[in-house]
Amino acid sequence: MAAFDHFALACQNLEDGVDFVEAMTGVRAAPGGPHPGIGTHNALLSLGNDVYLEIIAVDPNQDEPSGPRPFGIDDHRGPRLAAFAIHPTDDESIDSVAETIRNHGTDPGPVVAMSRVKPDGEEISWRLTRSNRLGLVPFVIDWGDTPNPATITPPGCSLIEVRGTHPEPSHVNSLHQQLGLNVNVSEGPESLEIILETPNGQVSLSE
């Protein structure tokens, strides 16, 4: 089984994304750090004990990456809710959760190791599945011995609901049920939306 880990709000300019989220929620995300070789950097804010929002954007201080930046950042100005990550729970491993997604008919991509340096100079590392998939099929992350960023990023918001639309809602609902995720999916063009309780009241972030 798995649980929500974080939601990726993709944009081309990080400051614009942070300003956008602060205007919506009343909470300003804290700088995270660069993703070396990926061409991105991020800012984070907590949505609960083990779930957070990642604002991710082009890092102007890095060279152009060898491949496309994640979450369609190169093609869409944003900010937009592009994807979400889950982490294993109980005795599950990142590989077993990825296999559940694969057996359902979607390739989650290979498990790769990543790291970044926080503003305080500490280097943190994790493992995740890498694919170009966006929307309602999650990617998987395992923080290992690294504390989940939700525990050390600005609080004040909480995740109320995850919902979306999909041309075949029963198919994606089946995957979510196998993963132990509570997502309200109805029929329509594929979309992803989260409802947050914030200092500004309930707000929605979506594609």
Protein backbone atom coordinates (compact mmCIF):
# COMPACT_ATOMS: atom_id res chain seq x y z
CA MET A 1 0.00 0.00 0.00
CA ALA A 2 1.02 3.63 -0.39
CA ALA A 3 0.15 7.13 0.77
CA PHE A 4 0.24 10.59 -0.78
CA ASP A 5 3.71 12.10 -0.54
CA HIS A 6 3.61 15.36 -2.49
CA PHE A 7 1.94 17.26 -5.30
CA ALA A 8 3.99 18.99 -8.00
CA LEU A 9 2.92 22.49 -9.07
CA ALA A 10 4.95 23.13 -12.22
CA CYS A 11 5.87 26.56 -13.57
CA GLN A 12 8.68 28.19 -15.49
CA ASN A 13 9.62 30.85 -12.92
CA LEU A 14 9.91 29.76 -9.29
CA GLU A 15 9.27 33.19 -7.78
CA ASP A 16 6.07 33.48 -9.82
CA GLY A 17 4.95 30.07 -8.56
CA VAL A 18 5.71 30.91 -4.94
CA ASP A 19 3.84 34.23 -5.25
CA PHE A 20 0.87 32.45 -6.85
CA VAL A 21 0.60 29.88 -4.05
CA GLU A 22 1.02 32.52 -1.34
CA ALA A 23 -1.77 34.63 -2.86
CA MET A 24 -4.02 31.55 -2.94
CA THR A 25 -3.23 30.08 0.47
CA GLY A 26 -1.72 32.82 2.62
CA VAL A 27 1.40 30.69 3.20
CA ARG A 28 4.77 31.35 1.53
CA ALA A 29 6.72 28.28 0.47
CA ALA A 30 10.33 27.93 1.64
CA PRO A 31 13.22 27.47 -0.81
CA GLY A 32 14.10 23.82 -1.34
CA GLY A 33 17.12 23.68 -3.61
CA PRO A 34 18.33 22.74 -7.10
CA HIS A 35 18.04 19.35 -8.79
CA PRO A 36 21.49 18.94 -10.39
CA GLY A 37 21.40 17.80 -14.00
CA ILE A 38 17.59 18.06 -14.18
CA GLY A 39 17.51 21.82 -14.75
CA THR A 40 15.00 22.60 -12.01
CA HIS A 41 14.77 23.96 -8.48
CA ASN A 42 11.91 24.07 -6.02
CA ALA A 43 10.15 25.56 -3.02
CA LEU A 44 8.03 23.61 -0.56
CA LEU A 45 5.19 23.94 1.94
CA SER A 46 3.62 21.37 4.21
CA LEU A 47 0.10 19.99 3.69
CA GLY A 48 0.18 17.72 6.74
CA ASN A 49 2.44 15.35 8.67
CA ASP A 50 3.76 13.48 5.65
CA VAL A 51 2.44 15.29 2.57
CA TYR A 52 3.53 18.56 1.00
CA LEU A 53 3.29 20.82 -2.03
CA GLU A 54 6.32 21.16 -4.29
CA ILE A 55 6.54 24.24 -6.50
CA ILE A 56 9.04 23.26 -9.19
CA ALA A 57 10.43 25.47 -11.95
CA VAL A 58 13.27 26.10 -14.38
CA ASP A 59 16.56 26.77 -12.57
CA PRO A 60 18.29 29.61 -14.48
CA ASN A 61 21.58 28.84 -12.75
CA GLN A 62 21.90 25.41 -14.36
CA ASP A 63 22.93 24.49 -17.88
CA GLU A 64 20.24 23.15 -20.16
CA PRO A 65 19.58 19.51 -19.20
CA SER A 66 20.20 16.68 -21.64
CA GLY A 67 16.50 15.84 -21.74
CA PRO A 68 13.15 17.54 -21.10
CA ARG A 69 12.54 18.90 -17.62
CA PRO A 70 9.92 16.95 -15.64
CA PHE A 71 6.20 17.69 -15.46
CA GLY A 72 6.03 19.41 -18.85
CA ILE A 73 7.72 22.53 -17.49
CA ASP A 74 9.32 23.32 -20.85
CA ASP A 75 6.00 23.26 -22.68
CA HIS A 76 3.63 25.02 -20.26
CA ARG A 77 4.24 28.27 -18.46
CA GLY A 78 2.05 27.34 -15.51
CA PRO A 79 1.66 27.36 -12.62
CA ARG A 80 -0.37 24.19 -12.85
CA LEU A 81 -0.80 21.03 -10.82
CA ALA A 82 0.99 18.52 -13.00
CA ALA A 83 1.55 15.31 -11.03
CA PHE A 84 1.68 13.68 -7.63
CA ALA A 85 3.98 11.31 -5.79
CA ILE A 86 3.21 8.51 -3.35
CA HIS A 87 5.46 6.79 -0.85
CA PRO A 88 5.36 3.18 0.31
CA THR A 89 3.69 2.37 3.64
CA ASP A 90 3.77 -0.64 5.96
CA ASP A 91 6.35 -3.16 4.73
CA GLU A 92 6.09 -2.16 1.07
CA SER A 93 9.12 -1.09 -0.97
CA ILE A 94 9.36 1.42 -3.79
CA ASP A 95 9.92 -1.52 -6.15
CA SER A 96 6.76 -3.36 -5.06
CA VAL A 97 4.62 -0.23 -5.36
CA ALA A 98 6.09 0.45 -8.81
CA GLU A 99 5.30 -3.14 -9.76
CA THR A 100 1.65 -2.65 -8.75
CA ILE A 101 1.45 0.32 -11.14
CA ARG A 102 3.22 -1.66 -13.86
CA ASN A 103 0.86 -4.63 -13.47
CA HIS A 104 -2.05 -2.25 -13.91
CA GLY A 105 -0.79 -1.38 -17.40
CA THR A 106 1.28 1.80 -16.89
CA ASP A 107 5.08 1.86 -16.87
CA PRO A 108 6.18 3.96 -13.88
CA GLY A 109 9.73 4.12 -15.24
CA PRO A 110 12.98 3.03 -13.62
CA VAL A 111 13.85 3.65 -9.98
CA VAL A 112 16.67 6.20 -9.83
CA ALA A 113 18.61 7.89 -7.04
CA MET A 114 18.51 11.67 -6.70
CA SER A 115 19.80 14.31 -4.30
CA ARG A 116 19.87 18.06 -3.73
CA VAL A 117 21.53 20.50 -1.37
CA LYS A 118 19.21 22.44 0.95
CA PRO A 119 19.71 26.17 1.57
CA ASP A 120 21.41 25.30 4.88
CA GLY A 121 24.01 23.26 3.03
CA GLU A 122 22.72 19.82 4.01
CA GLU A 123 22.56 17.30 1.18
CA ILE A 124 19.48 15.08 1.13
CA SER A 125 18.83 12.06 -1.05
CA TRP A 126 15.94 9.87 -2.13
CA ARG A 127 14.89 7.33 -4.75
CA LEU A 128 12.00 7.72 -7.17
CA THR A 129 10.49 6.35 -10.35
CA ARG A 130 11.21 8.48 -13.40
CA SER A 131 8.73 8.71 -16.26
CA ASN A 132 7.04 11.37 -18.33
CA ARG A 133 3.62 10.36 -16.99
CA LEU A 134 1.52 13.20 -15.61
CA GLY A 135 -1.89 13.50 -14.00
CA LEU A 136 -3.72 10.76 -12.13
CA VAL A 137 -1.12 7.98 -12.30
CA PRO A 138 1.38 8.73 -9.54
CA PHE A 139 5.12 8.34 -9.43
CA VAL A 140 6.71 6.68 -6.41
CA ILE A 141 9.30 8.12 -4.01
CA ASP A 142 11.23 6.61 -1.09
CA TRP A 143 12.96 9.02 1.28
CA GLY A 144 14.92 6.33 3.08
CA ASP A 145 16.61 7.89 6.11
CA THR A 146 15.83 11.45 4.95
CA PRO A 147 12.95 13.11 6.87
CA ASN A 148 9.92 13.77 4.71
CA PRO A 149 10.06 17.48 3.71
CA ALA A 150 6.51 17.92 5.08
CA THR A 151 8.02 17.87 8.57
CA ILE A 152 10.41 20.79 7.99
CA THR A 153 8.56 23.12 5.60
CA PRO A 154 6.14 25.99 6.35
CA PRO A 155 2.89 24.74 7.94
CA GLY A 156 -0.57 26.25 7.86
CA CYS A 157 -2.25 24.30 5.04
CA SER A 158 -3.79 20.85 5.05
CA LEU A 159 -4.88 18.48 2.29
CA ILE A 160 -8.67 17.98 2.26
CA GLU A 161 -9.36 16.08 -0.96
CA VAL A 162 -7.74 14.79 -4.12
CA ARG A 163 -9.96 14.54 -7.16
CA GLY A 164 -9.89 14.55 -10.94
CA THR A 165 -11.47 13.43 -14.16
CA HIS A 166 -10.46 10.70 -16.61
CA PRO A 167 -11.95 9.25 -19.82
CA GLU A 168 -11.98 5.81 -18.14
CA PRO A 169 -12.55 6.56 -14.45
CA SER A 170 -13.14 2.93 -13.47
CA HIS A 171 -9.67 2.00 -14.76
CA VAL A 172 -7.81 4.68 -12.80
CA ASN A 173 -10.04 4.16 -9.74
CA SER A 174 -9.02 0.51 -9.76
CA LEU A 175 -5.34 1.50 -9.63
CA HIS A 176 -5.91 3.96 -6.80
CA GLN A 177 -7.79 1.32 -4.80
CA GLN A 178 -4.96 -1.17 -5.24
CA LEU A 179 -2.53 1.46 -3.99
CA GLY A 180 -4.73 2.40 -1.04
CA LEU A 181 -5.32 5.97 -2.25
CA ASN A 182 -8.52 7.94 -1.74
CA VAL A 183 -9.05 9.90 -4.99
CA ASN A 184 -12.45 11.01 -6.29
CA VAL A 185 -12.31 10.46 -10.08
CA SER A 186 -15.24 11.13 -12.40
CA GLU A 187 -15.57 10.88 -16.18
CA GLY A 188 -14.08 13.61 -18.36
CA PRO A 189 -10.82 14.79 -19.92
CA GLU A 190 -7.90 13.81 -17.67
CA SER A 191 -7.32 16.36 -14.91
CA LEU A 192 -5.94 16.53 -11.38
CA GLU A 193 -7.13 18.79 -8.55
CA ILE A 194 -6.44 19.14 -4.84
CA ILE A 195 -8.56 20.93 -2.24
CA LEU A 196 -6.66 22.56 0.62
CA GLU A 197 -7.68 24.10 3.91
CA THR A 198 -5.60 27.27 4.24
CA PRO A 199 -5.44 30.52 6.22
CA ASN A 200 -7.41 32.00 3.29
CA GLY A 201 -10.11 29.32 3.53
CA GLN A 202 -10.58 26.34 1.23
CA VAL A 203 -8.78 26.70 -2.10
CA SER A 204 -8.33 24.52 -5.19
CA LEU A 205 -5.13 23.91 -7.14
CA SER A 206 -5.50 22.22 -10.50
CA GLU A 207 -4.10 21.80 -13.99
